């Protein structure tokens, strides 16, 4: 029996087991789900033991628990560290979901649920690839698993835990393998070779010490919502260029040859617009859509709140307003420096009639993977085996800040073999994951281990 046959024989069980993970509402951003984080970690531990690891344990941290497991087939063999995360994004707005977020269903050859792709579905592919190799007796590498419960909030506990020498020793490996990214299209595989860095934070603007009547006090004190909106509006000019002084100082400028390679990837602006439901695209002038996603930094308002937004109307000057903001960064940009530039900029333009407060949630470095690594070549050959096509190297617009932290603390590179698609609606209502991507991902991961062990 080969891997493809084993997957076909066990596919219904694989889906049932994945559903048992998805049904646990492991939302790391919401404290009401703290217990669910431990429940999900325990379910992962059980599933890894069932798959054939020598040991699996739950490790306490300053935050949500880690799940660590390993299988040693030969102390002299190469070791692959598989990383994934079991936490998921919040589901709001709930009314936009077509199905219940944590009651997965299969419809139109897709799994519909929160975590179907990001990252329960994708990380579970690696677990099932491991099981397949164990069942067939073909595993030729040592394997370690590390599942965390805080990736969606910046991996704060794992970043602290990683600094301990004994923990670094526990994770000793030759390469890290992650499935938490996308393919460039359903029919053309890709390997992610670049991730953007990230600075995400909340800015709070405070005016009067309580809400005021807008008739009695309008025009005499600063309205925090007005100030917040104006300040945010200064960050981007009409060409989509970030105006903060010094922001672009360290941005790696790609050569015309590199830009041409990026734009060889199959892409249609018309299809892209249809997929997100807009009539026109907008971004930094002078760059294509693919370039804006992969090699240019961006600024976004992820949420904004202040004043009265209930039914009817309430004529007030709000006491406070706040916004959740993010900057995606590219190669050579130091997120710590950018965070300081951003805070300095907003403080420099804020009127002295309000007070500013900042809470930084995540500051993560960009990541670049060389395409001449033996593990990259193994991943490349694995895609050729299963898709019949050579995968293209692709820069992702996404950020996985722990990947650059792994490189810093463990001195290991990460291979990003993702099988998601832009249409999967990760972080949004109606997240979904195509069944063919799920099963093909298992098969491709098995092929990766075969080729990596032979190199």
Protein backbone atom coordinates (compact mmCIF):
# COMPACT_ATOMS: atom_id res chain seq x y z
CA UNK A 1 0.00 0.00 0.00
CA UNK A 2 1.32 3.46 -0.82
CA UNK A 3 0.58 6.77 0.89
CA UNK A 4 -2.19 7.76 -1.48
CA UNK A 5 -4.01 4.48 -0.89
CA UNK A 6 -3.63 4.76 2.89
CA UNK A 7 -5.04 8.29 2.84
CA UNK A 8 -8.01 7.19 0.72
CA UNK A 9 -8.71 4.26 3.03
CA UNK A 10 -8.68 6.45 6.14
CA UNK A 11 -10.00 9.77 4.84
CA UNK A 12 -13.32 9.66 6.69
CA UNK A 13 -11.57 9.04 10.00
CA UNK A 14 -9.09 11.83 9.26
CA UNK A 15 -11.97 14.27 8.79
CA UNK A 16 -13.74 13.08 11.95
CA UNK A 17 -10.58 13.60 13.98
CA UNK A 18 -10.02 17.05 12.49
CA UNK A 19 -13.60 17.94 13.37
CA UNK A 20 -12.93 16.96 16.98
CA UNK A 21 -10.29 19.72 17.06
CA UNK A 22 -12.36 22.29 15.20
CA UNK A 23 -15.32 21.91 17.56
CA UNK A 24 -13.21 23.28 20.42
CA UNK A 25 -13.54 27.12 20.35
CA UNK A 26 -9.87 27.81 21.10
CA UNK A 27 -9.93 31.60 20.60
CA UNK A 28 -6.77 32.95 22.17
CA UNK A 29 -7.82 36.60 21.93
CA UNK A 30 -10.85 36.11 24.21
CA UNK A 31 -10.26 35.31 27.87
CA UNK A 32 -13.61 33.54 28.17
CA UNK A 33 -12.07 30.70 26.13
CA UNK A 34 -9.13 30.10 28.46
CA UNK A 35 -10.39 26.66 29.44
CA UNK A 36 -10.90 25.76 25.78
CA UNK A 37 -7.19 26.29 25.15
CA UNK A 38 -6.33 23.50 27.59
CA UNK A 39 -9.05 21.25 26.19
CA UNK A 40 -7.70 21.71 22.67
CA UNK A 41 -4.12 21.10 23.77
CA UNK A 42 -5.16 17.86 25.41
CA UNK A 43 -7.02 16.74 22.28
CA UNK A 44 -3.90 17.39 20.22
CA UNK A 45 -1.84 15.34 22.68
CA UNK A 46 -4.25 12.41 22.34
CA UNK A 47 -4.25 12.56 18.55
CA UNK A 48 -0.46 12.65 18.33
CA UNK A 49 -0.17 9.64 20.63
CA UNK A 50 -2.69 7.80 18.47
CA UNK A 51 -0.63 8.72 15.39
CA UNK A 52 2.42 6.94 16.80
CA UNK A 53 4.74 9.36 18.61
CA UNK A 54 6.97 8.00 21.37
CA UNK A 55 5.78 10.64 23.80
CA UNK A 56 3.48 13.65 23.88
CA UNK A 57 3.11 16.16 26.67
CA UNK A 58 1.45 19.44 27.54
CA UNK A 59 3.92 22.10 28.63
CA UNK A 60 2.86 24.99 30.84
CA UNK A 61 3.94 28.52 29.88
CA UNK A 62 3.20 32.04 31.07
CA UNK A 63 0.22 31.90 28.73
CA UNK A 64 -1.58 29.10 26.91
CA UNK A 65 -0.01 25.63 26.98
CA UNK A 66 2.27 24.12 24.36
CA UNK A 67 1.95 20.59 23.03
CA UNK A 68 5.25 18.82 22.40
CA UNK A 69 5.66 15.35 20.92
CA UNK A 70 8.45 13.39 19.29
CA UNK A 71 9.31 10.20 17.49
CA UNK A 72 12.91 8.97 17.27
CA UNK A 73 13.49 6.45 14.49
CA UNK A 74 17.29 6.74 14.49
CA UNK A 75 19.42 9.07 16.64
CA UNK A 76 21.73 9.54 13.62
CA UNK A 77 18.89 10.52 11.26
CA UNK A 78 17.80 14.05 10.41
CA UNK A 79 15.18 15.65 12.66
CA UNK A 80 12.23 17.68 11.39
CA UNK A 81 10.44 20.01 13.81
CA UNK A 82 6.81 20.47 12.77
CA UNK A 83 5.24 23.67 14.09
CA UNK A 84 1.58 24.61 14.09
CA UNK A 85 -0.94 26.48 16.21
CA UNK A 86 -4.22 25.36 17.68
CA UNK A 87 -5.63 28.79 18.52
CA UNK A 88 -8.01 30.50 16.12
CA UNK A 89 -9.31 33.99 15.43
CA UNK A 90 -12.55 35.36 16.95
CA UNK A 91 -15.66 34.67 14.88
CA UNK A 92 -17.38 38.08 14.95
CA UNK A 93 -19.48 39.21 13.20
CA UNK A 94 -21.40 36.02 13.87
CA UNK A 95 -24.40 37.06 11.77
CA UNK A 96 -22.33 36.85 8.58
CA UNK A 97 -21.59 33.15 9.00
CA UNK A 98 -23.59 30.76 6.83
CA UNK A 99 -22.93 27.90 9.24
CA UNK A 100 -22.09 27.64 12.94
CA UNK A 101 -18.34 28.51 13.23
CA UNK A 102 -17.49 25.64 15.55
CA UNK A 103 -19.79 23.00 14.11
CA UNK A 104 -17.87 22.00 10.96
CA UNK A 105 -19.77 20.88 7.89
CA UNK A 106 -18.69 19.62 4.48
CA UNK A 107 -20.41 21.37 1.61
CA UNK A 108 -19.31 21.97 -1.99
CA UNK A 109 -16.21 19.85 -1.32
CA UNK A 110 -15.05 22.23 1.41
CA UNK A 111 -14.91 22.14 5.18
CA UNK A 112 -16.70 25.19 6.58
CA UNK A 113 -15.67 26.24 10.10
CA UNK A 114 -13.32 28.48 12.06
CA UNK A 115 -9.90 26.84 11.97
CA UNK A 116 -10.71 24.68 8.94
CA UNK A 117 -7.65 26.15 7.24
CA UNK A 118 -5.91 28.41 9.77
CA UNK A 119 -4.38 26.42 11.27
CA UNK A 120 -6.12 23.32 12.53
CA UNK A 121 -6.72 21.94 9.05
CA UNK A 122 -3.24 22.67 7.77
CA UNK A 123 -1.30 21.56 10.85
CA UNK A 124 -3.43 18.41 11.09
CA UNK A 125 -2.24 17.45 7.59
CA UNK A 126 1.25 17.10 9.05
CA UNK A 127 -0.02 14.87 11.85
CA UNK A 128 -1.78 12.62 9.37
CA UNK A 129 1.27 12.53 7.10
CA UNK A 130 3.25 11.34 10.13
CA UNK A 131 0.63 8.67 10.88
CA UNK A 132 0.69 7.53 7.26
CA UNK A 133 4.46 7.08 7.31
CA UNK A 134 4.30 5.25 10.64
CA UNK A 135 1.60 2.91 9.36
CA UNK A 136 3.53 2.15 6.18
CA UNK A 137 6.92 1.90 7.90
CA UNK A 138 8.44 4.57 5.66
CA UNK A 139 9.39 7.26 8.18
CA UNK A 140 13.14 7.84 7.87
CA UNK A 141 13.47 11.09 9.84
CA UNK A 142 13.06 11.84 13.50
CA UNK A 143 10.04 14.06 14.04
CA UNK A 144 9.18 16.61 16.70
CA UNK A 145 5.84 18.43 16.97
CA UNK A 146 5.29 21.80 18.61
CA UNK A 147 1.74 23.15 18.75
CA UNK A 148 1.07 26.48 20.42
CA UNK A 149 -2.06 28.32 21.48
CA UNK A 150 -1.12 31.96 20.96
CA UNK A 151 -0.01 32.45 17.35
CA UNK A 152 -3.01 34.62 16.55
CA UNK A 153 -2.01 37.03 19.34
CA UNK A 154 1.69 37.11 18.51
CA UNK A 155 3.06 34.05 20.35
CA UNK A 156 4.06 36.01 23.49
CA UNK A 157 4.44 33.01 25.81
CA UNK A 158 6.30 30.88 23.27
CA UNK A 159 8.77 33.70 22.58
CA UNK A 160 9.63 33.81 26.29
CA UNK A 161 9.74 30.01 26.60
CA UNK A 162 12.11 29.74 23.62
CA UNK A 163 14.83 31.71 25.38
CA UNK A 164 15.42 29.00 27.99
CA UNK A 165 18.46 26.81 27.10
CA UNK A 166 16.70 23.58 28.13
CA UNK A 167 13.79 24.41 25.84
CA UNK A 168 16.11 25.14 22.94
CA UNK A 169 17.68 21.73 23.53
CA UNK A 170 14.24 20.10 23.51
CA UNK A 171 13.54 21.58 20.06
CA UNK A 172 16.91 20.71 18.56
CA UNK A 173 16.37 19.79 14.91
CA UNK A 174 17.75 20.20 11.40
CA UNK A 175 14.84 22.07 9.83
CA UNK A 176 11.38 23.40 10.76
CA UNK A 177 8.35 22.53 8.66
CA UNK A 178 5.21 24.67 8.76
CA UNK A 179 1.89 24.43 6.92
CA UNK A 180 0.16 27.74 7.60
CA UNK A 181 0.39 29.63 4.31
CA UNK A 182 -1.28 29.73 0.88
CA UNK A 183 -0.68 28.48 -2.63
CA UNK A 184 -0.71 31.07 -5.40
CA UNK A 185 -3.57 29.27 -7.17
CA UNK A 186 -5.52 26.00 -6.87
CA UNK A 187 -3.61 24.39 -9.72
CA UNK A 188 -0.12 25.83 -9.27
CA UNK A 189 1.75 24.94 -6.08
CA UNK A 190 4.10 27.40 -4.42
CA UNK A 191 6.51 27.48 -1.51
CA UNK A 192 6.45 30.61 0.61
CA UNK A 193 9.94 32.12 0.70
CA UNK A 194 9.13 35.41 2.40
CA UNK A 195 6.88 36.56 5.24
CA UNK A 196 6.24 40.17 6.14
CA UNK A 197 7.04 41.51 9.57
CA UNK A 198 4.35 43.03 11.73
CA UNK A 199 3.69 45.82 14.20
CA UNK A 200 0.17 45.77 15.62
CA UNK A 201 -1.03 47.99 18.42
CA UNK A 202 -3.93 49.92 19.92
CA UNK A 203 -3.86 53.71 20.07
CA UNK A 204 -6.14 55.38 22.58
CA UNK A 205 -7.12 59.06 22.41
CA UNK A 206 -8.60 60.60 25.56
CA UNK A 207 -10.23 64.02 25.81
CA UNK A 208 -12.64 65.12 28.56
CA UNK A 209 -12.96 62.87 31.60
CA UNK A 210 -16.56 62.00 30.67
CA UNK A 211 -18.87 62.24 27.66
CA UNK A 212 -20.14 65.77 27.02
CA UNK A 213 -23.27 67.23 25.42
CA UNK A 214 -22.23 68.14 21.87
CA UNK A 215 -24.42 71.25 21.90
CA UNK A 216 -23.17 72.70 25.17
CA UNK A 217 -19.52 71.82 24.62
CA UNK A 218 -19.07 71.36 20.85
CA UNK A 219 -16.36 73.64 19.49
CA UNK A 220 -14.76 74.21 22.89
CA UNK A 221 -12.99 70.90 23.60
CA UNK A 222 -11.35 68.34 21.32
CA UNK A 223 -13.48 65.41 20.24
CA UNK A 224 -11.29 62.26 20.57
CA UNK A 225 -13.06 60.55 17.67
CA UNK A 226 -12.43 63.54 15.42
CA UNK A 227 -8.79 63.67 16.47
CA UNK A 228 -8.30 59.93 16.04
CA UNK A 229 -9.83 59.95 12.58
CA UNK A 230 -7.71 62.92 11.50
CA UNK A 231 -4.49 61.39 12.84
CA UNK A 232 -5.10 58.07 11.12
CA UNK A 233 -5.93 59.89 7.89
CA UNK A 234 -2.47 61.47 7.75
CA UNK A 235 -0.63 58.14 7.57
CA UNK A 236 -1.32 57.44 3.88
CA UNK A 237 -1.10 59.96 1.03
CA UNK A 238 -3.18 59.84 -2.15
CA UNK A 239 -0.68 57.45 -3.76
CA UNK A 240 -0.91 54.90 -0.93
CA UNK A 241 2.50 55.89 0.38
CA UNK A 242 3.12 55.86 4.16
CA UNK A 243 4.05 59.37 5.26
CA UNK A 244 5.77 58.63 8.58
CA UNK A 245 9.31 60.11 8.44
CA UNK A 246 11.99 57.41 8.18
CA UNK A 247 9.50 54.59 7.58
CA UNK A 248 11.02 53.49 4.26
CA UNK A 249 14.68 54.03 5.20
CA UNK A 250 15.52 50.32 5.43
CA UNK A 251 13.04 48.84 2.95
CA UNK A 252 14.78 46.38 0.63
CA UNK A 253 14.19 47.60 -2.91
CA UNK A 254 13.82 44.72 -5.33
CA UNK A 255 15.61 44.87 -8.65
CA UNK A 256 13.67 44.99 -11.94
CA UNK A 257 14.68 41.35 -12.49
CA UNK A 258 13.26 40.29 -9.10
CA UNK A 259 10.05 42.20 -9.73
CA UNK A 260 9.68 40.52 -13.07
CA UNK A 261 10.02 37.08 -11.44
CA UNK A 262 7.37 37.97 -8.85
CA UNK A 263 4.94 38.96 -11.59
CA UNK A 264 5.37 35.69 -13.45
CA UNK A 265 3.07 34.07 -10.91
CA UNK A 266 -0.41 33.48 -12.34
CA UNK A 267 -2.64 36.35 -11.33
CA UNK A 268 -5.68 38.17 -12.64
CA UNK A 269 -6.73 41.48 -11.14
CA UNK A 270 -10.25 40.88 -12.42
CA UNK A 271 -10.53 37.53 -10.65
CA UNK A 272 -8.91 39.06 -7.56
CA UNK A 273 -11.53 41.82 -7.46
CA UNK A 274 -14.33 39.31 -7.86
CA UNK A 275 -12.96 37.12 -5.07
CA UNK A 276 -13.15 40.00 -2.55
CA UNK A 277 -16.23 41.75 -3.93
CA UNK A 278 -14.79 45.12 -5.00
CA UNK A 279 -15.03 47.07 -8.24
CA UNK A 280 -11.56 48.58 -8.08
CA UNK A 281 -8.25 47.76 -6.43
CA UNK A 282 -6.24 50.33 -4.51
CA UNK A 283 -2.71 50.40 -3.17
CA UNK A 284 0.70 51.99 -3.44
CA UNK A 285 1.12 53.64 -6.83
CA UNK A 286 3.77 52.14 -9.09
CA UNK A 287 3.43 48.54 -7.91
CA UNK A 288 1.40 45.58 -9.13
CA UNK A 289 -1.01 43.68 -6.90
CA UNK A 290 1.49 40.85 -6.36
CA UNK A 291 4.24 43.34 -5.47
CA UNK A 292 2.00 45.18 -3.03
CA UNK A 293 1.24 41.89 -1.29
CA UNK A 294 4.76 40.54 -1.06
CA UNK A 295 7.48 43.20 -1.18
CA UNK A 296 5.92 46.46 -0.01
CA UNK A 297 4.97 47.52 3.53
CA UNK A 298 1.38 48.45 4.33
CA UNK A 299 -0.78 50.21 6.93
CA UNK A 300 -4.28 49.18 7.97
CA UNK A 301 -6.93 50.14 10.49
CA UNK A 302 -8.18 46.80 11.82
CA UNK A 303 -10.84 48.26 14.13
CA UNK A 304 -11.98 51.61 15.45
CA UNK A 305 -14.35 52.56 18.25
CA UNK A 306 -15.58 55.59 20.12
CA UNK A 307 -18.76 57.37 21.07
CA UNK A 308 -22.27 56.02 20.66
CA UNK A 309 -23.07 53.42 18.00
CA UNK A 310 -26.30 51.96 19.36
CA UNK A 311 -29.83 52.32 18.05
CA UNK A 312 -30.98 55.84 17.34
CA UNK A 313 -28.73 58.80 18.05
CA UNK A 314 -26.89 60.30 21.00
CA UNK A 315 -25.43 63.77 20.59
CA UNK A 316 -22.20 63.63 22.55
CA UNK A 317 -18.54 64.47 22.47
CA UNK A 318 -17.04 61.11 23.51
CA UNK A 319 -14.53 60.99 26.30
CA UNK A 320 -12.33 58.43 24.55
CA UNK A 321 -11.72 56.78 21.18
CA UNK A 322 -9.35 54.02 20.15
CA UNK A 323 -8.19 52.15 17.09
CA UNK A 324 -6.43 48.88 16.46
CA UNK A 325 -3.74 49.48 13.83
CA UNK A 326 -1.22 47.31 12.00
CA UNK A 327 1.82 47.83 9.82
CA UNK A 328 3.05 44.95 7.67
CA UNK A 329 6.80 45.19 7.11
CA UNK A 330 9.22 43.81 4.53
CA UNK A 331 12.81 42.61 4.45
CA UNK A 332 15.37 44.78 6.30
CA UNK A 333 12.76 46.71 8.30
CA UNK A 334 13.31 46.46 12.06
CA UNK A 335 9.88 46.22 13.73
CA UNK A 336 11.18 47.66 17.02
CA UNK A 337 12.44 50.73 15.19
CA UNK A 338 9.19 51.04 13.22
CA UNK A 339 7.13 50.77 16.41
CA UNK A 340 9.10 53.66 17.90
CA UNK A 341 8.82 55.73 14.70
CA UNK A 342 5.05 55.19 14.64
CA UNK A 343 4.54 56.17 18.27
CA UNK A 344 6.81 59.21 17.89
CA UNK A 345 4.92 60.29 14.78
CA UNK A 346 1.48 60.14 16.36
CA UNK A 347 2.68 61.94 19.49
CA UNK A 348 4.26 64.66 17.36
CA UNK A 349 1.04 65.47 15.49
CA UNK A 350 -1.49 65.00 18.33
CA UNK A 351 -2.97 68.26 19.64
CA UNK A 352 -2.12 69.02 23.26
CA UNK A 353 -5.84 69.03 24.04
CA UNK A 354 -5.90 65.19 24.11
CA UNK A 355 -3.82 62.42 25.69
CA UNK A 356 -2.47 59.41 23.80
CA UNK A 357 -1.94 55.87 25.03
CA UNK A 358 -0.34 52.92 23.21
CA UNK A 359 -0.58 49.18 23.75
CA UNK A 360 1.62 47.10 21.44
CA UNK A 361 0.34 43.58 20.88
CA UNK A 362 2.83 42.11 18.45
CA UNK A 363 6.17 43.16 17.03
CA UNK A 364 7.56 40.58 14.60
CA UNK A 365 10.47 40.41 12.18
CA UNK A 366 10.13 39.62 8.47
CA UNK A 367 11.45 36.24 7.28
CA UNK A 368 13.21 35.12 4.10
CA UNK A 369 13.91 31.49 3.13
CA UNK A 370 16.75 30.73 0.67
CA UNK A 371 15.75 28.47 -2.22
CA UNK A 372 19.06 26.58 -2.21
CA UNK A 373 18.46 24.79 1.10
CA UNK A 374 18.36 20.97 0.90
CA UNK A 375 14.99 21.06 2.67
CA UNK A 376 13.65 23.56 0.13
CA UNK A 377 14.73 21.26 -2.69
CA UNK A 378 12.99 18.37 -0.93
CA UNK A 379 9.79 20.40 -0.68
CA UNK A 380 10.12 21.37 -4.33
CA UNK A 381 10.45 17.75 -5.40
CA UNK A 382 7.52 16.74 -3.18
CA UNK A 383 5.22 19.16 -5.01
CA UNK A 384 6.48 17.86 -8.34
CA UNK A 385 5.60 14.32 -7.21
CA UNK A 386 2.04 15.16 -6.20
CA UNK A 387 1.10 18.02 -8.55
CA UNK A 388 3.28 17.24 -11.54
CA UNK A 389 4.46 20.85 -11.53
CA UNK A 390 7.46 22.66 -10.15
CA UNK A 391 6.30 24.99 -7.36
CA UNK A 392 7.16 28.65 -7.65
CA UNK A 393 8.80 30.57 -4.80
CA UNK A 394 6.36 33.19 -3.50
CA UNK A 395 6.52 36.09 -1.08
CA UNK A 396 3.51 36.11 1.23
CA UNK A 397 1.79 39.21 2.52
CA UNK A 398 1.14 37.43 5.80
CA UNK A 399 3.15 37.42 9.01
CA UNK A 400 4.07 34.50 11.28
CA UNK A 401 6.27 36.26 13.78
CA UNK A 402 7.39 33.10 15.57
CA UNK A 403 9.20 31.94 12.41
CA UNK A 404 11.78 34.73 12.63
CA UNK A 405 12.01 34.05 16.37
CA UNK A 406 12.82 30.40 15.63
CA UNK A 407 15.62 31.53 13.35
CA UNK A 408 17.00 33.83 16.04
CA UNK A 409 16.75 31.48 19.03
CA UNK A 410 17.15 28.03 17.43
CA UNK A 411 19.30 29.06 14.46
CA UNK A 412 17.02 27.06 12.17
CA UNK A 413 15.40 27.88 8.87
CA UNK A 414 11.73 27.15 8.24
CA UNK A 415 10.18 25.60 5.14
CA UNK A 416 6.68 26.98 4.57
CA UNK A 417 4.61 24.40 2.70
CA UNK A 418 1.11 25.89 2.66
CA UNK A 419 -1.98 24.56 0.92
CA UNK A 420 -4.52 27.28 1.64
CA UNK A 421 -6.10 29.61 -0.88
CA UNK A 422 -7.12 33.25 -0.74
CA UNK A 423 -10.74 32.11 -1.06
CA UNK A 424 -10.53 30.24 2.26
CA UNK A 425 -11.63 33.34 4.21
CA UNK A 426 -9.19 32.89 7.06
CA UNK A 427 -9.72 35.45 9.87
CA UNK A 428 -13.15 36.21 8.37
CA UNK A 429 -16.67 34.76 8.50
CA UNK A 430 -17.20 31.54 6.55
CA UNK A 431 -13.66 30.23 6.78
CA UNK A 432 -13.32 27.11 4.67
CA UNK A 433 -10.79 24.62 3.37
CA UNK A 434 -10.98 22.53 0.23
CA UNK A 435 -10.96 18.79 0.83
CA UNK A 436 -8.66 18.17 -2.13
CA UNK A 437 -6.10 20.60 -0.61
CA UNK A 438 -6.32 18.78 2.72
CA UNK A 439 -5.71 15.30 1.30
CA UNK A 440 -3.16 16.53 -1.24
CA UNK A 441 -1.33 18.27 1.58
CA UNK A 442 -0.97 15.00 3.49
CA UNK A 443 0.37 13.26 0.41
CA UNK A 444 2.83 16.08 -0.32
CA UNK A 445 4.11 16.15 3.26
CA UNK A 446 4.83 12.41 3.05
CA UNK A 447 6.79 13.03 -0.15
CA UNK A 448 8.76 15.84 1.54
CA UNK A 449 9.97 13.50 4.28
CA UNK A 450 11.01 10.89 1.72
CA UNK A 451 13.08 13.33 -0.30
CA UNK A 452 14.54 15.11 2.72
CA UNK A 453 15.71 11.85 4.25
CA UNK A 454 17.46 10.90 1.00
CA UNK A 455 19.44 14.14 0.71
